[in-house]
Amino acid sequence: MALSASVALWFLPLLVPLCLYVAYTDLAEMRITNPTVVTMAAIFAALGPFLYPFDAYLWQLAHLSIVLLAGIALNAAGAMGAGDAKFLAAAAPYVAVGDIRLLMALFAAVLLAAYAVHTIAKRTRLRNYAPNWASWSQQGRKFPMGFALGPTLAIYLCLAAMYGS
């Protein structure tokens, strides 16, 4: 993996709770909150200068802006929700460019698992454990992508902590 294990270990305990919170709020309310994504960006902005060489830090930080602009365009086209775009932008600085292929494969696997779990829970008695979740009543193509996006970043950081450069 291109992300260093030591960098991942610094970010891991701070981001995993936020990633799980994103999954929960998207399931329960069908939204990813602004304070959560701002906190994610602030953690990188605060710790990044101490964990990366300055030029690498600026490049990683630029990923936030690049992904945010792409997310705004995709949101305007109706291809993704605004919360998903914000989360992707806030998560972008944490991902090493060399790990993009791994991250995409990981996201595909997590997305399939999340979709299967959500669909099964929605159609069985498991739904009774959280009867008021907004994601149960969404019709058509609406799926709480935070349920897949949050765990993807958390798993990526765990893998980097174990197998990072």
N, C-alpha and C. Protein backbone atom coordinates (compact mmCIF):
# COMPACT_ATOMS: atom_id res chain seq x y z
N MET A 1 0.84 -1.19 0.00
CA MET A 1 0.00 0.00 0.00
C MET A 1 0.88 1.24 0.00
N ALA A 2 0.41 2.27 -0.64
CA ALA A 2 1.18 3.50 -0.73
C ALA A 2 1.08 4.36 0.52
N LEU A 3 -0.04 4.28 1.23
CA LEU A 3 -0.19 5.05 2.47
C LEU A 3 0.66 4.40 3.55
N SER A 4 1.42 5.21 4.27
CA SER A 4 2.29 4.67 5.30
C SER A 4 1.48 4.20 6.50
N ALA A 5 1.96 3.13 7.13
CA ALA A 5 1.27 2.57 8.30
C ALA A 5 1.26 3.57 9.45
N SER A 6 2.33 4.32 9.61
CA SER A 6 2.37 5.27 10.73
C SER A 6 1.36 6.41 10.54
N VAL A 7 1.20 6.87 9.31
CA VAL A 7 0.20 7.91 9.02
C VAL A 7 -1.20 7.36 9.28
N ALA A 8 -1.45 6.16 8.80
CA ALA A 8 -2.77 5.54 8.99
C ALA A 8 -3.07 5.36 10.47
N LEU A 9 -2.07 4.99 11.25
CA LEU A 9 -2.29 4.80 12.69
C LEU A 9 -2.65 6.10 13.40
N TRP A 10 -2.14 7.21 12.92
CA TRP A 10 -2.51 8.50 13.51
C TRP A 10 -3.95 8.86 13.20
N PHE A 11 -4.36 8.61 11.96
CA PHE A 11 -5.71 9.00 11.54
C PHE A 11 -6.78 8.00 11.99
N LEU A 12 -6.42 6.75 12.10
CA LEU A 12 -7.38 5.68 12.37
C LEU A 12 -8.30 5.93 13.57
N PRO A 13 -7.78 6.21 14.77
CA PRO A 13 -8.68 6.36 15.92
C PRO A 13 -9.57 7.60 15.84
N LEU A 14 -9.17 8.57 15.05
CA LEU A 14 -9.96 9.79 14.92
C LEU A 14 -11.04 9.66 13.84
N LEU A 15 -10.75 8.91 12.81
CA LEU A 15 -11.67 8.83 11.67
C LEU A 15 -12.67 7.68 11.74
N VAL A 16 -12.29 6.57 12.33
CA VAL A 16 -13.21 5.43 12.36
C VAL A 16 -14.53 5.79 13.04
N PRO A 17 -14.52 6.48 14.20
CA PRO A 17 -15.82 6.86 14.77
C PRO A 17 -16.64 7.78 13.85
N LEU A 18 -15.97 8.67 13.14
CA LEU A 18 -16.68 9.54 12.21
C LEU A 18 -17.25 8.75 11.04
N CYS A 19 -16.49 7.79 10.54
CA CYS A 19 -16.97 6.94 9.44
C CYS A 19 -18.19 6.14 9.85
N LEU A 20 -18.16 5.61 11.05
CA LEU A 20 -19.31 4.85 11.55
C LEU A 20 -20.52 5.76 11.78
N TYR A 21 -20.26 6.98 12.24
CA TYR A 21 -21.34 7.95 12.43
C TYR A 21 -21.97 8.32 11.09
N VAL A 22 -21.15 8.46 10.06
CA VAL A 22 -21.66 8.76 8.72
C VAL A 22 -22.57 7.63 8.25
N ALA A 23 -22.15 6.39 8.46
CA ALA A 23 -22.98 5.26 8.06
C ALA A 23 -24.30 5.28 8.81
N TYR A 24 -24.24 5.53 10.12
CA TYR A 24 -25.46 5.56 10.93
C TYR A 24 -26.41 6.68 10.51
N THR A 25 -25.89 7.91 10.38
CA THR A 25 -26.78 9.03 10.05
C THR A 25 -27.38 8.89 8.65
N ASP A 26 -26.63 8.29 7.74
CA ASP A 26 -27.19 8.11 6.41
C ASP A 26 -28.29 7.04 6.43
N LEU A 27 -28.12 6.03 7.23
CA LEU A 27 -29.18 5.03 7.37
C LEU A 27 -30.40 5.62 8.07
N ALA A 28 -30.17 6.32 9.16
CA ALA A 28 -31.27 6.80 10.00
C ALA A 28 -31.97 8.03 9.43
N GLU A 29 -31.20 8.93 8.81
CA GLU A 29 -31.77 10.21 8.38
C GLU A 29 -31.62 10.49 6.89
N MET A 30 -30.90 9.63 6.18
CA MET A 30 -30.60 9.84 4.75
C MET A 30 -29.86 11.16 4.54
N ARG A 31 -28.91 11.45 5.44
CA ARG A 31 -28.09 12.64 5.26
C ARG A 31 -26.75 12.44 5.95
N ILE A 32 -25.75 13.11 5.42
CA ILE A 32 -24.42 13.14 6.02
C ILE A 32 -24.22 14.57 6.50
N THR A 33 -23.98 14.73 7.77
CA THR A 33 -24.01 16.06 8.37
C THR A 33 -22.75 16.88 8.04
N ASN A 34 -22.95 18.18 7.92
CA ASN A 34 -21.82 19.08 7.66
C ASN A 34 -20.78 19.05 8.77
N PRO A 35 -21.16 19.08 10.06
CA PRO A 35 -20.12 19.05 11.10
C PRO A 35 -19.21 17.82 11.01
N THR A 36 -19.76 16.71 10.56
CA THR A 36 -18.94 15.50 10.45
C THR A 36 -17.89 15.65 9.37
N VAL A 37 -18.27 16.12 8.20
CA VAL A 37 -17.29 16.25 7.11
C VAL A 37 -16.32 17.39 7.38
N VAL A 38 -16.77 18.45 8.04
CA VAL A 38 -15.86 19.54 8.40
C VAL A 38 -14.83 19.03 9.41
N THR A 39 -15.27 18.21 10.36
CA THR A 39 -14.35 17.63 11.33
C THR A 39 -13.32 16.74 10.64
N MET A 40 -13.76 15.95 9.67
CA MET A 40 -12.82 15.11 8.92
C MET A 40 -11.78 15.96 8.22
N ALA A 41 -12.21 17.03 7.57
CA ALA A 41 -11.27 17.90 6.87
C ALA A 41 -10.34 18.61 7.86
N ALA A 42 -10.88 19.02 9.00
CA ALA A 42 -10.07 19.72 10.01
C ALA A 42 -9.01 18.80 10.61
N ILE A 43 -9.34 17.53 10.79
CA ILE A 43 -8.35 16.58 11.32
C ILE A 43 -7.17 16.47 10.36
N PHE A 44 -7.46 16.38 9.07
CA PHE A 44 -6.36 16.31 8.11
C PHE A 44 -5.57 17.60 8.09
N ALA A 45 -6.27 18.72 8.11
CA ALA A 45 -5.58 20.02 8.07
C ALA A 45 -4.69 20.21 9.30
N ALA A 46 -5.13 19.70 10.44
CA ALA A 46 -4.36 19.89 11.67
C ALA A 46 -3.19 18.91 11.80
N LEU A 47 -3.41 17.65 11.46
CA LEU A 47 -2.36 16.65 11.64
C LEU A 47 -1.47 16.46 10.41
N GLY A 48 -2.02 16.71 9.24
CA GLY A 48 -1.28 16.49 8.00
C GLY A 48 0.09 17.11 7.94
N PRO A 49 0.26 18.38 8.35
CA PRO A 49 1.59 18.99 8.26
C PRO A 49 2.66 18.28 9.10
N PHE A 50 2.23 17.55 10.13
CA PHE A 50 3.17 16.84 10.98
C PHE A 50 3.45 15.42 10.48
N LEU A 51 2.59 14.92 9.60
CA LEU A 51 2.71 13.53 9.14
C LEU A 51 3.25 13.39 7.73
N TYR A 52 3.18 14.45 6.93
CA TYR A 52 3.63 14.42 5.55
C TYR A 52 4.70 15.48 5.33
N PRO A 53 5.58 15.28 4.34
CA PRO A 53 6.42 16.39 3.90
C PRO A 53 5.50 17.49 3.35
N PHE A 54 5.94 18.72 3.40
CA PHE A 54 5.06 19.84 3.08
C PHE A 54 4.46 19.75 1.68
N ASP A 55 5.27 19.40 0.69
CA ASP A 55 4.73 19.31 -0.68
C ASP A 55 3.71 18.18 -0.81
N ALA A 56 3.96 17.05 -0.15
CA ALA A 56 3.00 15.94 -0.18
C ALA A 56 1.71 16.32 0.55
N TYR A 57 1.84 17.05 1.65
CA TYR A 57 0.66 17.51 2.39
C TYR A 57 -0.20 18.41 1.52
N LEU A 58 0.42 19.35 0.82
CA LEU A 58 -0.35 20.25 -0.05
C LEU A 58 -1.03 19.49 -1.18
N TRP A 59 -0.34 18.50 -1.73
CA TRP A 59 -0.93 17.70 -2.80
C TRP A 59 -2.13 16.91 -2.27
N GLN A 60 -1.98 16.29 -1.10
CA GLN A 60 -3.10 15.55 -0.51
C GLN A 60 -4.26 16.49 -0.21
N LEU A 61 -3.96 17.66 0.29
CA LEU A 61 -5.00 18.65 0.59
C LEU A 61 -5.70 19.12 -0.68
N ALA A 62 -4.96 19.19 -1.79
CA ALA A 62 -5.56 19.59 -3.08
C ALA A 62 -6.60 18.57 -3.53
N HIS A 63 -6.43 17.33 -3.12
CA HIS A 63 -7.42 16.30 -3.47
C HIS A 63 -8.80 16.68 -2.97
N LEU A 64 -8.86 17.32 -1.81
CA LEU A 64 -10.15 17.74 -1.26
C LEU A 64 -10.86 18.66 -2.24
N SER A 65 -10.17 19.67 -2.73
CA SER A 65 -10.79 20.63 -3.66
C SER A 65 -11.18 19.97 -4.98
N ILE A 66 -10.31 19.13 -5.49
CA ILE A 66 -10.56 18.47 -6.77
C ILE A 66 -11.80 17.58 -6.68
N VAL A 67 -11.86 16.78 -5.63
CA VAL A 67 -12.99 15.86 -5.46
C VAL A 67 -14.27 16.63 -5.14
N LEU A 68 -14.15 17.72 -4.40
CA LEU A 68 -15.33 18.53 -4.10
C LEU A 68 -15.92 19.13 -5.38
N LEU A 69 -15.08 19.64 -6.26
CA LEU A 69 -15.58 20.19 -7.53
C LEU A 69 -16.24 19.11 -8.38
N ALA A 70 -15.62 17.94 -8.43
CA ALA A 70 -16.23 16.83 -9.18
C ALA A 70 -17.56 16.42 -8.54
N GLY A 71 -17.60 16.39 -7.21
CA GLY A 71 -18.82 16.02 -6.51
C GLY A 71 -19.94 17.02 -6.72
N ILE A 72 -19.59 18.30 -6.75
CA ILE A 72 -20.60 19.34 -7.00
C ILE A 72 -21.19 19.16 -8.40
N ALA A 73 -20.32 18.87 -9.36
CA ALA A 73 -20.80 18.65 -10.73
C ALA A 73 -21.70 17.41 -10.80
N LEU A 74 -21.28 16.33 -10.14
CA LEU A 74 -22.10 15.11 -10.15
C LEU A 74 -23.42 15.31 -9.41
N ASN A 75 -23.39 16.09 -8.34
CA ASN A 75 -24.63 16.39 -7.61
C ASN A 75 -25.56 17.22 -8.47
N ALA A 76 -25.02 18.20 -9.16
CA ALA A 76 -25.84 19.04 -10.03
C ALA A 76 -26.46 18.22 -11.17
N ALA A 77 -25.76 17.18 -11.61
CA ALA A 77 -26.27 16.31 -12.67
C ALA A 77 -27.24 15.26 -12.13
N GLY A 78 -27.40 15.21 -10.80
CA GLY A 78 -28.30 14.25 -10.20
C GLY A 78 -27.71 12.87 -10.03
N ALA A 79 -26.39 12.75 -10.19
CA ALA A 79 -25.74 11.44 -10.11
C ALA A 79 -25.37 11.03 -8.69
N MET A 80 -25.32 11.99 -7.77
CA MET A 80 -24.98 11.67 -6.38
C MET A 80 -25.56 12.72 -5.46
N GLY A 81 -25.72 12.34 -4.21
CA GLY A 81 -26.25 13.26 -3.21
C GLY A 81 -25.18 14.24 -2.76
N ALA A 82 -25.62 15.36 -2.22
CA ALA A 82 -24.69 16.39 -1.75
C ALA A 82 -23.85 15.87 -0.58
N GLY A 83 -24.46 15.12 0.31
CA GLY A 83 -23.72 14.58 1.45
C GLY A 83 -22.64 13.61 1.02
N ASP A 84 -22.95 12.81 0.02
CA ASP A 84 -21.96 11.87 -0.51
C ASP A 84 -20.78 12.63 -1.12
N ALA A 85 -21.08 13.70 -1.85
CA ALA A 85 -20.02 14.52 -2.45
C ALA A 85 -19.16 15.16 -1.37
N LYS A 86 -19.79 15.66 -0.31
CA LYS A 86 -19.03 16.27 0.79
C LYS A 86 -18.15 15.23 1.48
N PHE A 87 -18.71 14.05 1.72
CA PHE A 87 -17.92 13.01 2.39
C PHE A 87 -16.73 12.61 1.53
N LEU A 88 -16.95 12.39 0.24
CA LEU A 88 -15.85 12.01 -0.64
C LEU A 88 -14.75 13.06 -0.66
N ALA A 89 -15.15 14.33 -0.66
CA ALA A 89 -14.17 15.41 -0.65
C ALA A 89 -13.37 15.40 0.66
N ALA A 90 -14.05 15.23 1.78
CA ALA A 90 -13.37 15.23 3.07
C ALA A 90 -12.49 13.99 3.23
N ALA A 91 -12.85 12.89 2.59
CA ALA A 91 -12.08 11.65 2.68
C ALA A 91 -10.89 11.64 1.73
N ALA A 92 -10.96 12.40 0.66
CA ALA A 92 -9.95 12.35 -0.39
C ALA A 92 -8.51 12.59 0.10
N PRO A 93 -8.26 13.53 1.02
CA PRO A 93 -6.88 13.72 1.44
C PRO A 93 -6.26 12.52 2.16
N TYR A 94 -7.07 11.65 2.68
CA TYR A 94 -6.56 10.50 3.43
C TYR A 94 -6.12 9.36 2.53
N VAL A 95 -6.47 9.43 1.27
CA VAL A 95 -6.18 8.33 0.34
C VAL A 95 -4.95 8.65 -0.49
N ALA A 96 -3.99 7.74 -0.48
CA ALA A 96 -2.79 7.89 -1.30
C ALA A 96 -3.15 7.58 -2.76
N VAL A 97 -2.60 8.36 -3.66
CA VAL A 97 -2.90 8.19 -5.09
C VAL A 97 -2.56 6.77 -5.54
N GLY A 98 -1.49 6.21 -5.02
CA GLY A 98 -1.08 4.86 -5.40
C GLY A 98 -2.04 3.78 -4.97
N ASP A 99 -2.98 4.12 -4.10
CA ASP A 99 -3.94 3.14 -3.60
C ASP A 99 -5.32 3.26 -4.24
N ILE A 100 -5.46 4.05 -5.27
CA ILE A 100 -6.77 4.30 -5.88
C ILE A 100 -7.41 3.00 -6.39
N ARG A 101 -6.64 2.16 -7.07
CA ARG A 101 -7.20 0.90 -7.58
C ARG A 101 -7.67 0.01 -6.45
N LEU A 102 -6.87 -0.08 -5.40
CA LEU A 102 -7.25 -0.87 -4.24
C LEU A 102 -8.52 -0.30 -3.61
N LEU A 103 -8.57 1.02 -3.47
CA LEU A 103 -9.73 1.67 -2.86
C LEU A 103 -10.99 1.44 -3.69
N MET A 104 -10.89 1.49 -4.99
CA MET A 104 -12.05 1.26 -5.84
C MET A 104 -12.56 -0.18 -5.71
N ALA A 105 -11.65 -1.14 -5.66
CA ALA A 105 -12.05 -2.53 -5.47
C ALA A 105 -12.68 -2.72 -4.09
N LEU A 106 -12.08 -2.11 -3.09
CA LEU A 106 -12.61 -2.18 -1.73
C LEU A 106 -14.00 -1.56 -1.67
N PHE A 107 -14.17 -0.39 -2.30
CA PHE A 107 -15.47 0.26 -2.32
C PHE A 107 -16.51 -0.61 -3.01
N ALA A 108 -16.14 -1.24 -4.11
CA ALA A 108 -17.09 -2.10 -4.83
C ALA A 108 -17.56 -3.24 -3.92
N ALA A 109 -16.63 -3.85 -3.20
CA ALA A 109 -17.00 -4.96 -2.31
C ALA A 109 -17.87 -4.47 -1.16
N VAL A 110 -17.49 -3.35 -0.56
CA VAL A 110 -18.26 -2.82 0.57
C VAL A 110 -19.64 -2.37 0.10
N LEU A 111 -19.72 -1.76 -1.07
CA LEU A 111 -21.01 -1.32 -1.60
C LEU A 111 -21.94 -2.50 -1.83
N LEU A 112 -21.43 -3.56 -2.42
CA LEU A 112 -22.26 -4.76 -2.64
C LEU A 112 -22.74 -5.34 -1.32
N ALA A 113 -21.84 -5.42 -0.34
CA ALA A 113 -22.22 -5.95 0.97
C ALA A 113 -23.23 -5.04 1.65
N ALA A 114 -23.01 -3.75 1.60
CA ALA A 114 -23.92 -2.79 2.24
C ALA A 114 -25.30 -2.85 1.59
N TYR A 115 -25.33 -2.92 0.27
CA TYR A 115 -26.61 -3.00 -0.43
C TYR A 115 -27.35 -4.27 -0.04
N ALA A 116 -26.64 -5.40 0.00
CA ALA A 116 -27.27 -6.67 0.36
C ALA A 116 -27.79 -6.63 1.80
N VAL A 117 -26.98 -6.14 2.72
CA VAL A 117 -27.40 -6.07 4.13
C VAL A 117 -28.60 -5.14 4.28
N HIS A 118 -28.55 -3.98 3.64
CA HIS A 118 -29.65 -3.02 3.74
C HIS A 118 -30.94 -3.60 3.15
N THR A 119 -30.83 -4.24 2.01
CA THR A 119 -32.01 -4.82 1.36
C THR A 119 -32.61 -5.94 2.20
N ILE A 120 -31.76 -6.80 2.72
CA ILE A 120 -32.25 -7.90 3.56
C ILE A 120 -32.90 -7.35 4.83
N ALA A 121 -32.23 -6.42 5.49
CA ALA A 121 -32.79 -5.84 6.72
C ALA A 121 -34.10 -5.12 6.45
N LYS A 122 -34.17 -4.44 5.32
CA LYS A 122 -35.37 -3.68 4.96
C LYS A 122 -36.57 -4.58 4.73
N ARG A 123 -36.33 -5.79 4.24
CA ARG A 123 -37.42 -6.69 3.86
C ARG A 123 -37.71 -7.79 4.90
N THR A 124 -37.02 -7.73 6.04
CA THR A 124 -37.24 -8.75 7.07
C THR A 124 -37.57 -8.08 8.40
N ARG A 125 -37.70 -8.89 9.42
CA ARG A 125 -38.01 -8.37 10.75
C ARG A 125 -36.86 -7.57 11.37
N LEU A 126 -35.70 -7.66 10.80
CA LEU A 126 -34.59 -6.85 11.30
C LEU A 126 -34.94 -5.36 11.27
N ARG A 127 -35.81 -5.00 10.36
CA ARG A 127 -36.26 -3.61 10.24
C ARG A 127 -36.90 -3.11 11.54
N ASN A 128 -37.47 -4.00 12.32
CA ASN A 128 -38.14 -3.62 13.57
C ASN A 128 -37.17 -3.09 14.63
N TYR A 129 -35.89 -3.39 14.50
CA TYR A 129 -34.91 -2.88 15.47
C TYR A 129 -34.67 -1.38 15.31
N ALA A 130 -34.96 -0.86 14.15
CA ALA A 130 -34.83 0.58 13.88
C ALA A 130 -35.98 0.99 12.97
N PRO A 131 -37.20 0.99 13.49
CA PRO A 131 -38.36 1.17 12.63
C PRO A 131 -38.49 2.57 12.01
N ASN A 132 -37.83 3.55 12.57
CA ASN A 132 -38.00 4.91 12.09
C ASN A 132 -36.89 5.40 11.17
N TRP A 133 -36.01 4.52 10.75
CA TRP A 133 -34.94 4.94 9.87
C TRP A 133 -35.51 5.40 8.53
N ALA A 134 -35.03 6.52 8.08
CA ALA A 134 -35.50 7.08 6.81
C ALA A 134 -35.13 6.21 5.61
N SER A 135 -34.04 5.49 5.70
CA SER A 135 -33.61 4.69 4.55
C SER A 135 -34.54 3.53 4.25
N TRP A 136 -35.37 3.12 5.19
CA TRP A 136 -36.31 2.04 4.93
C TRP A 136 -37.40 2.49 3.96
N SER A 137 -37.80 3.74 4.06
CA SER A 137 -38.94 4.19 3.28
C SER A 137 -38.56 4.84 1.95
N GLN A 138 -37.29 4.87 1.61
CA GLN A 138 -36.88 5.48 0.34
C GLN A 138 -37.29 4.58 -0.81
N GLN A 139 -37.88 5.19 -1.80
CA GLN A 139 -38.34 4.45 -2.98
C GLN A 139 -37.36 4.65 -4.13
N GLY A 140 -37.37 3.73 -5.05
CA GLY A 140 -36.58 3.87 -6.27
C GLY A 140 -35.09 3.68 -6.04
N ARG A 141 -34.29 4.59 -6.62
CA ARG A 141 -32.85 4.43 -6.65
C ARG A 141 -32.14 5.02 -5.44
N LYS A 142 -32.84 5.55 -4.47
CA LYS A 142 -32.18 6.17 -3.32
C LYS A 142 -31.64 5.09 -2.39
N PHE A 143 -30.35 5.17 -2.15
CA PHE A 143 -29.67 4.24 -1.24
C PHE A 143 -28.75 5.07 -0.37
N PRO A 144 -28.66 4.77 0.92
CA PRO A 144 -27.78 5.53 1.81
C PRO A 144 -26.31 5.20 1.55
N MET A 145 -25.70 5.90 0.61
CA MET A 145 -24.32 5.60 0.21
C MET A 145 -23.32 5.77 1.36
N GLY A 146 -23.66 6.59 2.35
CA GLY A 146 -22.79 6.73 3.51
C GLY A 146 -22.60 5.41 4.23
N PHE A 147 -23.57 4.51 4.09
CA PHE A 147 -23.48 3.18 4.68
C PHE A 147 -22.35 2.37 4.04
N ALA A 148 -21.98 2.71 2.83
CA ALA A 148 -20.85 2.06 2.15
C ALA A 148 -19.60 2.94 2.18
N LEU A 149 -19.76 4.25 2.04
CA LEU A 149 -18.61 5.15 1.98
C LEU A 149 -17.84 5.20 3.30
N GLY A 150 -18.56 5.33 4.41
CA GLY A 150 -17.89 5.40 5.71
C GLY A 150 -17.07 4.16 6.02
N PRO A 151 -17.67 2.97 5.94
CA PRO A 151 -16.89 1.75 6.18
C PRO A 151 -15.74 1.55 5.20
N THR A 152 -15.89 2.00 3.96
CA THR A 152 -14.79 1.87 3.00
C THR A 152 -13.57 2.63 3.47
N LEU A 153 -13.75 3.88 3.91
CA LEU A 153 -12.60 4.65 4.40
C LEU A 153 -12.03 4.02 5.66
N ALA A 154 -12.88 3.56 6.55
CA ALA A 154 -12.41 2.95 7.79
C ALA A 154 -11.60 1.68 7.50
N ILE A 155 -12.09 0.84 6.61
CA ILE A 155 -11.38 -0.40 6.26
C ILE A 155 -10.07 -0.07 5.56
N TYR A 156 -10.09 0.91 4.67
CA TYR A 156 -8.87 1.34 3.98
C TYR A 156 -7.80 1.76 4.99
N LEU A 157 -8.18 2.56 5.96
CA LEU A 157 -7.20 3.00 6.97
C LEU A 157 -6.71 1.82 7.82
N CYS A 158 -7.59 0.88 8.13
CA CYS A 158 -7.18 -0.32 8.87
C CYS A 158 -6.18 -1.14 8.06
N LEU A 159 -6.47 -1.32 6.79
CA LEU A 159 -5.54 -2.06 5.92
C LEU A 159 -4.20 -1.34 5.81
N ALA A 160 -4.24 -0.02 5.68
CA ALA A 160 -2.99 0.75 5.60
C ALA A 160 -2.21 0.66 6.90
N ALA A 161 -2.90 0.65 8.02
CA ALA A 161 -2.22 0.52 9.31
C ALA A 161 -1.52 -0.84 9.42
N MET A 162 -2.10 -1.87 8.84
CA MET A 162 -1.51 -3.20 8.91
C MET A 162 -0.47 -3.45 7.82
N TYR A 163 -0.76 -2.97 6.60
CA TYR A 163 0.08 -3.33 5.46
C TYR A 163 0.72 -2.14 4.76
N GLY A 164 0.62 -0.96 5.33
CA GLY A 164 1.14 0.24 4.70
C GLY A 164 2.64 0.24 4.55
N SER A 165 3.12 1.15 3.70
CA SER A 165 4.54 1.23 3.42
C SER A 165 5.33 1.73 4.62
